[in-house]
Amino acid sequence: MLTLNRHPDARAFLQRAEQWLMTREIEHAVVLQSARQASADDAHYERPMYWTTIEDDGELIGCAYRTPPYKVGVTVLPQTAIAPLVADLAATYAGAIGGFSGPDPTVTELARAWVSRRGGSWSVNTSGRLLSFASSAKPHDGGASGMLRLAGSGDVALAQSWGAAASIDSGIAALDGRMCVQLLGAKMLYFWVDDQPRCMIGLLRETRDSAAVGIVYTPATFRGEGYATTAMMALNKLLDERGVVNRYLWVDPKSDGAQALARKLGCGYVYDSLDIDCV
């Protein structure tokens, strides 16, 4: 029998769900980060917060959470969880919840059910596609000339300007110059350099076993020369050397360039992610 189990706080939620979430840590990165931050300090969030595990005969199969004023976040959920989750959210929040964020079609089904219950409308704010790619099968010969290097303190201005341009290209406001400077400070930003920087790669997540690339940006002047593909091949080799097993790439599903890069890397589909506004 499917049940929704509410937890009093993020710490209790993690005690129940963290091990399960860590089995696919990149797919569940946002909920893990939110829960860990709230477990350390949740004073700046509004009340009530929402921490729920969805279980089937005691087996954990999904999670839902909310740290107001932010939207409801979810993992992949079965269709049978949609109605009871929406009913529980409606009983918890008399007012607006902002919307839903997470893998599709789960979030689309939740938005439809919420609007059907509460009225109003829903619309997609942003979308992304999570892909996986494999370890380098063999050294990559040919391609663009140059080398991959870690961004340094002298690259701050470049990271800011290229990040701003990448944000405009992708339509994702959060992946901007400020984010790129933060990645630079965390040693998660790289440049492919051929006489001068030609391409920028940003890792949004990196752990001992997993890494997720979220920014691959080549200025228009240098596009079509193979810099992005060659840079990603070099990064893949670097991840091999570090022993990183699971590699992921976030792309804009509407970008022809991103889809072409994914094909060259032999990426496999994981899921589409949506951020949905409900008003």
C-alpha atoms as a PDB file:
ATOM      1  CA  MET A   1       0.000   0.000   0.000  1.00  0.00           C
ATOM      2  CA  LEU A   2       1.262   3.461  -0.922  1.00  0.00           C
ATOM      3  CA  THR A   3       1.693   5.870   1.986  1.00  0.00           C
ATOM      4  CA  LEU A   4       2.900   9.441   2.498  1.00  0.00           C
ATOM      5  CA  ASN A   5       5.097   9.717   5.568  1.00  0.00           C
ATOM      6  CA  ARG A   6       5.582  13.251   6.891  1.00  0.00           C
ATOM      7  CA  HIS A   7       8.760  14.044   8.800  1.00  0.00           C
ATOM      8  CA  PRO A   8       8.987  16.837  11.374  1.00  0.00           C
ATOM      9  CA  ASP A   9      12.163  18.392   9.975  1.00  0.00           C
ATOM     10  CA  ALA A  10      14.963  17.987   7.455  1.00  0.00           C
ATOM     11  CA  ARG A  11      17.098  16.002   9.872  1.00  0.00           C
ATOM     12  CA  ALA A  12      14.426  13.355  10.354  1.00  0.00           C
ATOM     13  CA  PHE A  13      13.781  13.324   6.608  1.00  0.00           C
ATOM     14  CA  LEU A  14      17.459  12.662   5.887  1.00  0.00           C
ATOM     15  CA  GLN A  15      17.594   9.886   8.434  1.00  0.00           C
ATOM     16  CA  ARG A  16      14.920   8.093   6.453  1.00  0.00           C
ATOM     17  CA  ALA A  17      15.771   9.120   2.884  1.00  0.00           C
ATOM     18  CA  GLU A  18      19.445  10.066   2.554  1.00  0.00           C
ATOM     19  CA  GLN A  19      20.772   6.593   1.843  1.00  0.00           C
ATOM     20  CA  TRP A  20      18.102   6.062  -0.828  1.00  0.00           C
ATOM     21  CA  LEU A  21      18.727   9.491  -2.366  1.00  0.00           C
ATOM     22  CA  MET A  22      22.467   8.836  -2.517  1.00  0.00           C
ATOM     23  CA  THR A  23      21.964   5.803  -4.759  1.00  0.00           C
ATOM     24  CA  ARG A  24      21.393   8.364  -7.569  1.00  0.00           C
ATOM     25  CA  GLU A  25      23.063  11.396  -6.062  1.00  0.00           C
ATOM     26  CA  ILE A  26      23.151  13.565  -9.184  1.00  0.00           C
ATOM     27  CA  GLU A  27      19.517  12.899 -10.071  1.00  0.00           C
ATOM     28  CA  HIS A  28      18.610  13.733  -6.466  1.00  0.00           C
ATOM     29  CA  ALA A  29      21.167  16.504  -5.989  1.00  0.00           C
ATOM     30  CA  VAL A  30      18.687  19.333  -5.414  1.00  0.00           C
ATOM     31  CA  VAL A  31      16.677  17.561  -2.732  1.00  0.00           C
ATOM     32  CA  LEU A  32      19.878  16.408  -1.012  1.00  0.00           C
ATOM     33  CA  GLN A  33      21.287  19.926  -1.025  1.00  0.00           C
ATOM     34  CA  SER A  34      18.019  21.465   0.200  1.00  0.00           C
ATOM     35  CA  ALA A  35      17.623  18.948   3.005  1.00  0.00           C
ATOM     36  CA  ARG A  36      21.228  19.239   4.142  1.00  0.00           C
ATOM     37  CA  GLN A  37      21.079  23.031   4.186  1.00  0.00           C
ATOM     38  CA  ALA A  38      17.809  22.990   6.114  1.00  0.00           C
ATOM     39  CA  SER A  39      19.181  20.382   8.507  1.00  0.00           C
ATOM     40  CA  ALA A  40      22.081  22.699   9.305  1.00  0.00           C
ATOM     41  CA  ASP A  41      19.955  25.855   9.601  1.00  0.00           C
ATOM     42  CA  ASP A  42      16.297  26.244   8.630  1.00  0.00           C
ATOM     43  CA  ALA A  43      15.651  29.531  10.471  1.00  0.00           C
ATOM     44  CA  HIS A  44      15.401  31.583   7.263  1.00  0.00           C
ATOM     45  CA  TYR A  45      12.602  29.472   5.764  1.00  0.00           C
ATOM     46  CA  GLU A  46       8.922  30.167   6.271  1.00  0.00           C
ATOM     47  CA  ARG A  47       6.618  27.707   8.014  1.00  0.00           C
ATOM     48  CA  PRO A  48       5.330  25.116   7.568  1.00  0.00           C
ATOM     49  CA  MET A  49       8.129  23.276   5.839  1.00  0.00           C
ATOM     50  CA  TYR A  50       7.304  20.022   4.094  1.00  0.00           C
ATOM     51  CA  TRP A  51       9.404  16.861   4.218  1.00  0.00           C
ATOM     52  CA  THR A  52       7.690  13.704   2.964  1.00  0.00           C
ATOM     53  CA  THR A  53       8.747  10.265   1.819  1.00  0.00           C
ATOM     54  CA  ILE A  54       6.451   8.255  -0.425  1.00  0.00           C
ATOM     55  CA  GLU A  55       6.604   4.572   0.401  1.00  0.00           C
ATOM     56  CA  ASP A  56       5.052   1.367  -0.879  1.00  0.00           C
ATOM     57  CA  ASP A  57       4.696  -1.332   1.773  1.00  0.00           C
ATOM     58  CA  GLY A  58       7.599   0.225   3.651  1.00  0.00           C
ATOM     59  CA  GLU A  59       9.841   0.580   0.590  1.00  0.00           C
ATOM     60  CA  LEU A  60      10.861   4.153  -0.180  1.00  0.00           C
ATOM     61  CA  ILE A  61       9.979   5.040  -3.783  1.00  0.00           C
ATOM     62  CA  GLY A  62      10.048   8.853  -3.845  1.00  0.00           C
ATOM     63  CA  CYS A  63      10.227  12.144  -1.972  1.00  0.00           C
ATOM     64  CA  ALA A  64       8.547  15.537  -1.900  1.00  0.00           C
ATOM     65  CA  TYR A  65       9.648  18.632  -0.003  1.00  0.00           C
ATOM     66  CA  ARG A  66       9.114  22.364   0.298  1.00  0.00           C
ATOM     67  CA  THR A  67      11.181  25.067   1.968  1.00  0.00           C
ATOM     68  CA  PRO A  68       8.879  28.111   1.744  1.00  0.00           C
ATOM     69  CA  PRO A  69       8.779  30.504   0.010  1.00  0.00           C
ATOM     70  CA  TYR A  70      10.210  28.140  -2.609  1.00  0.00           C
ATOM     71  CA  LYS A  71       8.296  25.680  -4.772  1.00  0.00           C
ATOM     72  CA  VAL A  72       7.525  22.043  -4.090  1.00  0.00           C
ATOM     73  CA  GLY A  73      10.382  19.808  -5.183  1.00  0.00           C
ATOM     74  CA  VAL A  74       9.948  16.138  -6.018  1.00  0.00           C
ATOM     75  CA  THR A  75      11.772  13.070  -7.224  1.00  0.00           C
ATOM     76  CA  VAL A  76      10.280  10.779  -9.860  1.00  0.00           C
ATOM     77  CA  LEU A  77       6.929   9.564  -8.514  1.00  0.00           C
ATOM     78  CA  PRO A  78       4.450   6.907  -9.659  1.00  0.00           C
ATOM     79  CA  GLN A  79       1.105   8.072 -11.018  1.00  0.00           C
ATOM     80  CA  THR A  80      -0.630   6.666  -7.952  1.00  0.00           C
ATOM     81  CA  ALA A  81       1.217   9.154  -5.727  1.00  0.00           C
ATOM     82  CA  ILE A  82      -0.050  12.289  -7.506  1.00  0.00           C
ATOM     83  CA  ALA A  83      -3.569  12.558  -6.030  1.00  0.00           C
ATOM     84  CA  PRO A  84      -2.641  11.825  -2.394  1.00  0.00           C
ATOM     85  CA  LEU A  85       0.369  14.161  -2.556  1.00  0.00           C
ATOM     86  CA  VAL A  86      -1.695  17.045  -3.952  1.00  0.00           C
ATOM     87  CA  ALA A  87      -4.371  16.425  -1.312  1.00  0.00           C
ATOM     88  CA  ASP A  88      -1.753  16.513   1.456  1.00  0.00           C
ATOM     89  CA  LEU A  89      -0.161  19.688   0.087  1.00  0.00           C
ATOM     90  CA  ALA A  90      -3.581  21.339  -0.133  1.00  0.00           C
ATOM     91  CA  ALA A  91      -4.280  20.399   3.478  1.00  0.00           C
ATOM     92  CA  THR A  92      -0.896  21.815   4.518  1.00  0.00           C
ATOM     93  CA  TYR A  93      -0.931  25.088   2.577  1.00  0.00           C
ATOM     94  CA  ALA A  94      -4.061  27.225   2.488  1.00  0.00           C
ATOM     95  CA  GLY A  95      -2.394  29.686   0.117  1.00  0.00           C
ATOM     96  CA  ALA A  96      -0.198  29.501  -2.954  1.00  0.00           C
ATOM     97  CA  ILE A  97       2.731  27.092  -3.209  1.00  0.00           C
ATOM     98  CA  GLY A  98       4.478  28.737  -6.166  1.00  0.00           C
ATOM     99  CA  GLY A  99       4.634  25.616  -8.318  1.00  0.00           C
ATOM    100  CA  PHE A 100       6.591  22.404  -8.747  1.00  0.00           C
ATOM    101  CA  SER A 101      10.156  21.552  -9.689  1.00  0.00           C
ATOM    102  CA  GLY A 102      11.647  18.212 -10.653  1.00  0.00           C
ATOM    103  CA  PRO A 103      11.490  15.437 -13.235  1.00  0.00           C
ATOM    104  CA  ASP A 104       8.785  15.281 -15.859  1.00  0.00           C
ATOM    105  CA  PRO A 105       6.109  13.909 -16.266  1.00  0.00           C
ATOM    106  CA  THR A 106       5.783  13.906 -12.461  1.00  0.00           C
ATOM    107  CA  VAL A 107       5.797  17.710 -12.141  1.00  0.00           C
ATOM    108  CA  THR A 108       3.400  18.213 -15.058  1.00  0.00           C
ATOM    109  CA  GLU A 109       0.929  15.776 -13.518  1.00  0.00           C
ATOM    110  CA  LEU A 110       1.249  17.500 -10.134  1.00  0.00           C
ATOM    111  CA  ALA A 111       0.688  20.946 -11.654  1.00  0.00           C
ATOM    112  CA  ARG A 112      -2.418  19.762 -13.502  1.00  0.00           C
ATOM    113  CA  ALA A 113      -3.825  18.127 -10.376  1.00  0.00           C
ATOM    114  CA  TRP A 114      -3.056  21.183  -8.233  1.00  0.00           C
ATOM    115  CA  VAL A 115      -4.734  23.611 -10.639  1.00  0.00           C
ATOM    116  CA  SER A 116      -7.705  21.263 -10.972  1.00  0.00           C
ATOM    117  CA  ARG A 117      -8.083  21.327  -7.195  1.00  0.00           C
ATOM    118  CA  ARG A 118      -7.257  24.962  -6.458  1.00  0.00           C
ATOM    119  CA  GLY A 119      -7.967  26.736  -9.732  1.00  0.00           C
ATOM    120  CA  GLY A 120      -5.660  29.126 -11.555  1.00  0.00           C
ATOM    121  CA  SER A 121      -3.180  28.118 -14.222  1.00  0.00           C
ATOM    122  CA  TRP A 122       0.288  26.676 -14.649  1.00  0.00           C
ATOM    123  CA  SER A 123       3.136  27.317 -17.069  1.00  0.00           C
ATOM    124  CA  VAL A 124       6.675  26.063 -17.605  1.00  0.00           C
ATOM    125  CA  ASN A 125       9.287  28.497 -16.347  1.00  0.00           C
ATOM    126  CA  THR A 126      12.465  26.629 -17.339  1.00  0.00           C
ATOM    127  CA  SER A 127      13.317  23.181 -18.678  1.00  0.00           C
ATOM    128  CA  GLY A 128      16.416  21.031 -18.776  1.00  0.00           C
ATOM    129  CA  ARG A 129      17.417  17.550 -19.850  1.00  0.00           C
ATOM    130  CA  LEU A 130      19.699  15.311 -17.820  1.00  0.00           C
ATOM    131  CA  LEU A 131      21.867  12.983 -19.887  1.00  0.00           C
ATOM    132  CA  SER A 132      24.517  10.465 -18.902  1.00  0.00           C
ATOM    133  CA  PHE A 133      27.766   9.785 -20.686  1.00  0.00           C
ATOM    134  CA  ALA A 134      30.275   7.007 -20.333  1.00  0.00           C
ATOM    135  CA  SER A 135      33.928   6.814 -19.448  1.00  0.00           C
ATOM    136  CA  SER A 136      36.322   7.400 -22.340  1.00  0.00           C
ATOM    137  CA  ALA A 137      36.503   4.167 -24.279  1.00  0.00           C
ATOM    138  CA  LYS A 138      39.747   5.188 -25.967  1.00  0.00           C
ATOM    139  CA  PRO A 139      41.907   8.312 -26.281  1.00  0.00           C
ATOM    140  CA  HIS A 140      40.364  11.006 -28.450  1.00  0.00           C
ATOM    141  CA  ASP A 141      42.620  11.688 -31.399  1.00  0.00           C
ATOM    142  CA  GLY A 142      42.228  14.652 -33.683  1.00  0.00           C
ATOM    143  CA  GLY A 143      39.671  17.322 -32.912  1.00  0.00           C
ATOM    144  CA  ALA A 144      40.488  20.891 -32.054  1.00  0.00           C
ATOM    145  CA  SER A 145      44.001  21.832 -30.984  1.00  0.00           C
ATOM    146  CA  GLY A 146      44.702  23.203 -27.543  1.00  0.00           C
ATOM    147  CA  MET A 147      44.458  22.031 -23.954  1.00  0.00           C
ATOM    148  CA  LEU A 148      42.022  21.956 -21.056  1.00  0.00           C
ATOM    149  CA  ARG A 149      43.013  23.916 -17.967  1.00  0.00           C
ATOM    150  CA  LEU A 150      41.406  24.717 -14.654  1.00  0.00           C
ATOM    151  CA  ALA A 151      40.210  28.309 -14.411  1.00  0.00           C
ATOM    152  CA  GLY A 152      42.287  30.494 -12.103  1.00  0.00           C
ATOM    153  CA  SER A 153      42.109  33.833 -10.333  1.00  0.00           C
ATOM    154  CA  GLY A 154      43.115  35.631 -13.520  1.00  0.00           C
ATOM    155  CA  ASP A 155      39.977  34.342 -15.254  1.00  0.00           C
ATOM    156  CA  VAL A 156      37.372  36.027 -13.043  1.00  0.00           C
ATOM    157  CA  ALA A 157      36.441  38.737 -15.558  1.00  0.00           C
ATOM    158  CA  LEU A 158      36.255  36.208 -18.394  1.00  0.00           C
ATOM    159  CA  ALA A 159      34.126  33.835 -16.296  1.00  0.00           C
ATOM    160  CA  GLN A 160      31.746  36.704 -15.514  1.00  0.00           C
ATOM    161  CA  SER A 161      31.365  37.861 -19.113  1.00  0.00           C
ATOM    162  CA  TRP A 162      31.138  34.401 -20.668  1.00  0.00           C
ATOM    163  CA  GLY A 163      28.774  33.271 -17.910  1.00  0.00           C
ATOM    164  CA  ALA A 164      26.465  36.199 -18.615  1.00  0.00           C
ATOM    165  CA  ALA A 165      26.485  35.325 -22.321  1.00  0.00           C
ATOM    166  CA  ALA A 166      25.888  31.630 -21.597  1.00  0.00           C
ATOM    167  CA  SER A 167      22.895  32.538 -19.425  1.00  0.00           C
ATOM    168  CA  ILE A 168      21.367  34.524 -22.262  1.00  0.00           C
ATOM    169  CA  ASP A 169      21.996  31.683 -24.724  1.00  0.00           C
ATOM    170  CA  SER A 170      20.448  29.052 -22.450  1.00  0.00           C
ATOM    171  CA  GLY A 171      17.652  31.175 -21.048  1.00  0.00           C
ATOM    172  CA  ILE A 172      18.556  29.941 -17.546  1.00  0.00           C
ATOM    173  CA  ALA A 173      19.117  33.025 -15.422  1.00  0.00           C
ATOM    174  CA  ALA A 174      20.825  31.139 -12.582  1.00  0.00           C
ATOM    175  CA  LEU A 175      23.655  29.881 -14.804  1.00  0.00           C
ATOM    176  CA  ASP A 176      25.185  33.331 -15.147  1.00  0.00           C
ATOM    177  CA  GLY A 177      28.458  35.129 -14.547  1.00  0.00           C
ATOM    178  CA  ARG A 178      28.036  35.042 -10.786  1.00  0.00           C
ATOM    179  CA  MET A 179      27.549  31.271 -10.877  1.00  0.00           C
ATOM    180  CA  CYS A 180      30.635  30.842 -13.058  1.00  0.00           C
ATOM    181  CA  VAL A 181      32.751  32.855 -10.622  1.00  0.00           C
ATOM    182  CA  GLN A 182      31.470  30.652  -7.794  1.00  0.00           C
ATOM    183  CA  LEU A 183      32.436  27.562  -9.787  1.00  0.00           C
ATOM    184  CA  LEU A 184      35.854  29.081 -10.423  1.00  0.00           C
ATOM    185  CA  GLY A 185      36.356  29.509  -6.679  1.00  0.00           C
ATOM    186  CA  ALA A 186      35.278  25.906  -6.111  1.00  0.00           C
ATOM    187  CA  LYS A 187      37.738  24.660  -8.782  1.00  0.00           C
ATOM    188  CA  MET A 188      34.869  23.407 -10.952  1.00  0.00           C
ATOM    189  CA  LEU A 189      35.328  25.707 -13.963  1.00  0.00           C
ATOM    190  CA  TYR A 190      37.553  24.909 -16.943  1.00  0.00           C
ATOM    191  CA  PHE A 191      38.666  26.594 -20.148  1.00  0.00           C
ATOM    192  CA  TRP A 192      39.768  25.013 -23.390  1.00  0.00           C
ATOM    193  CA  VAL A 193      42.673  27.155 -24.544  1.00  0.00           C
ATOM    194  CA  ASP A 194      44.066  27.289 -28.067  1.00  0.00           C
ATOM    195  CA  ASP A 195      46.279  30.377 -28.094  1.00  0.00           C
ATOM    196  CA  GLN A 196      43.402  31.977 -26.149  1.00  0.00           C
ATOM    197  CA  PRO A 197      40.323  30.641 -24.297  1.00  0.00           C
ATOM    198  CA  ARG A 198      37.855  29.153 -26.777  1.00  0.00           C
ATOM    199  CA  CYS A 199      35.365  27.197 -24.664  1.00  0.00           C
ATOM    200  CA  MET A 200      34.232  27.142 -21.007  1.00  0.00           C
ATOM    201  CA  ILE A 201      32.965  24.131 -19.066  1.00  0.00           C
ATOM    202  CA  GLY A 202      31.333  24.307 -15.647  1.00  0.00           C
ATOM    203  CA  LEU A 203      30.701  21.365 -13.324  1.00  0.00           C
ATOM    204  CA  LEU A 204      27.557  22.000 -11.289  1.00  0.00           C
ATOM    205  CA  ARG A 205      28.198  18.986  -9.055  1.00  0.00           C
ATOM    206  CA  GLU A 206      31.206  16.849  -8.314  1.00  0.00           C
ATOM    207  CA  THR A 207      31.562  14.142  -5.684  1.00  0.00           C
ATOM    208  CA  ARG A 208      33.898  11.204  -5.281  1.00  0.00           C
ATOM    209  CA  ASP A 209      31.786   9.032  -7.590  1.00  0.00           C
ATOM    210  CA  SER A 210      29.745  11.443  -9.711  1.00  0.00           C
ATOM    211  CA  ALA A 211      30.023  14.639 -11.728  1.00  0.00           C
ATOM    212  CA  ALA A 212      27.485  16.741 -13.617  1.00  0.00           C
ATOM    213  CA  VAL A 213      28.398  19.266 -16.305  1.00  0.00           C
ATOM    214  CA  GLY A 214      25.892  22.097 -16.508  1.00  0.00           C
ATOM    215  CA  ILE A 215      27.689  24.756 -18.554  1.00  0.00           C
ATOM    216  CA  VAL A 216      29.337  24.253 -21.934  1.00  0.00           C
ATOM    217  CA  TYR A 217      29.820  27.611 -23.616  1.00  0.00           C
ATOM    218  CA  THR A 218      31.698  28.560 -26.782  1.00  0.00           C
ATOM    219  CA  PRO A 219      31.511  32.181 -28.002  1.00  0.00           C
ATOM    220  CA  ALA A 220      29.881  32.512 -31.408  1.00  0.00           C
ATOM    221  CA  THR A 221      33.217  33.506 -33.006  1.00  0.00           C
ATOM    222  CA  PHE A 222      34.735  30.117 -32.156  1.00  0.00           C
ATOM    223  CA  ARG A 223      31.764  27.827 -32.816  1.00  0.00           C
ATOM    224  CA  GLY A 224      31.881  25.090 -35.421  1.00  0.00           C
ATOM    225  CA  GLU A 225      35.553  24.337 -34.771  1.00  0.00           C
ATOM    226  CA  GLY A 226      35.024  21.361 -32.456  1.00  0.00           C
ATOM    227  CA  TYR A 227      36.197  23.086 -29.282  1.00  0.00           C
ATOM    228  CA  ALA A 228      33.254  22.006 -27.112  1.00  0.00           C
ATOM    229  CA  THR A 229      33.503  18.357 -28.161  1.00  0.00           C
ATOM    230  CA  THR A 230      37.266  18.223 -27.697  1.00  0.00           C
ATOM    231  CA  ALA A 231      37.051  19.992 -24.335  1.00  0.00           C
ATOM    232  CA  MET A 232      34.424  17.528 -23.117  1.00  0.00           C
ATOM    233  CA  MET A 233      36.564  14.596 -24.264  1.00  0.00           C
ATOM    234  CA  ALA A 234      39.487  16.039 -22.294  1.00  0.00           C
ATOM    235  CA  LEU A 235      37.290  16.512 -19.228  1.00  0.00           C
ATOM    236  CA  ASN A 236      36.078  12.942 -19.576  1.00  0.00           C
ATOM    237  CA  LYS A 237      39.676  11.733 -19.510  1.00  0.00           C
ATOM    238  CA  LEU A 238      40.300  13.840 -16.405  1.00  0.00           C
ATOM    239  CA  LEU A 239      37.287  12.245 -14.715  1.00  0.00           C
ATOM    240  CA  ASP A 240      38.699   8.828 -15.655  1.00  0.00           C
ATOM    241  CA  GLU A 241      41.911   9.713 -13.850  1.00  0.00           C
ATOM    242  CA  ARG A 242      39.965  10.802 -10.770  1.00  0.00           C
ATOM    243  CA  GLY A 243      37.963   7.578 -10.689  1.00  0.00           C
ATOM    244  CA  VAL A 244      34.618   9.313 -11.200  1.00  0.00           C
ATOM    245  CA  VAL A 245      32.178   6.606 -12.259  1.00  0.00           C
ATOM    246  CA  ASN A 246      28.956   8.462 -13.006  1.00  0.00           C
ATOM    247  CA  ARG A 247      29.028  11.367 -15.477  1.00  0.00           C
ATOM    248  CA  TYR A 248      26.075  13.556 -16.395  1.00  0.00           C
ATOM    249  CA  LEU A 249      25.396  16.461 -18.717  1.00  0.00           C
ATOM    250  CA  TRP A 250      22.597  19.002 -18.286  1.00  0.00           C
ATOM    251  CA  VAL A 251      21.452  20.434 -21.620  1.00  0.00           C
ATOM    252  CA  ASP A 252      18.753  22.677 -23.007  1.00  0.00           C
ATOM    253  CA  PRO A 253      16.410  20.291 -24.873  1.00  0.00           C
ATOM    254  CA  LYS A 254      15.590  23.090 -27.322  1.00  0.00           C
ATOM    255  CA  SER A 255      19.241  23.725 -28.258  1.00  0.00           C
ATOM    256  CA  ASP A 256      20.397  22.089 -31.503  1.00  0.00           C
ATOM    257  CA  GLY A 257      24.020  22.655 -30.512  1.00  0.00           C
ATOM    258  CA  ALA A 258      23.560  20.936 -27.163  1.00  0.00           C
ATOM    259  CA  GLN A 259      21.841  17.971 -28.792  1.00  0.00           C
ATOM    260  CA  ALA A 260      24.650  17.680 -31.345  1.00  0.00           C
ATOM    261  CA  LEU A 261      27.257  17.676 -28.562  1.00  0.00           C
ATOM    262  CA  ALA A 262      25.293  15.011 -26.696  1.00  0.00           C
ATOM    263  CA  ARG A 263      25.246  12.770 -29.767  1.00  0.00           C
ATOM    264  CA  LYS A 264      29.010  13.130 -30.230  1.00  0.00           C
ATOM    265  CA  LEU A 265      29.538  12.143 -26.601  1.00  0.00           C
ATOM    266  CA  GLY A 266      27.195   9.158 -26.940  1.00  0.00           C
ATOM    267  CA  CYS A 267      24.952  10.427 -24.155  1.00  0.00           C
ATOM    268  CA  GLY A 268      22.010   8.461 -22.839  1.00  0.00           C
ATOM    269  CA  TYR A 269      18.707   9.981 -21.738  1.00  0.00           C
ATOM    270  CA  VAL A 270      17.962  10.136 -17.995  1.00  0.00           C
ATOM    271  CA  TYR A 271      15.012  12.519 -17.661  1.00  0.00           C
ATOM    272  CA  ASP A 272      13.610  15.933 -18.497  1.00  0.00           C
ATOM    273  CA  SER A 273      13.358  18.390 -15.623  1.00  0.00           C
ATOM    274  CA  LEU A 274      10.840  21.236 -15.426  1.00  0.00           C
ATOM    275  CA  ASP A 275      10.374  24.235 -13.174  1.00  0.00           C
ATOM    276  CA  ILE A 276       6.635  25.020 -13.247  1.00  0.00           C
ATOM    277  CA  ASP A 277       4.856  28.138 -11.999  1.00  0.00           C
ATOM    278  CA  CYS A 278       1.350  27.767 -10.581  1.00  0.00           C
ATOM    279  CA  VAL A 279      -0.700  30.969 -10.212  1.00  0.00           C
END
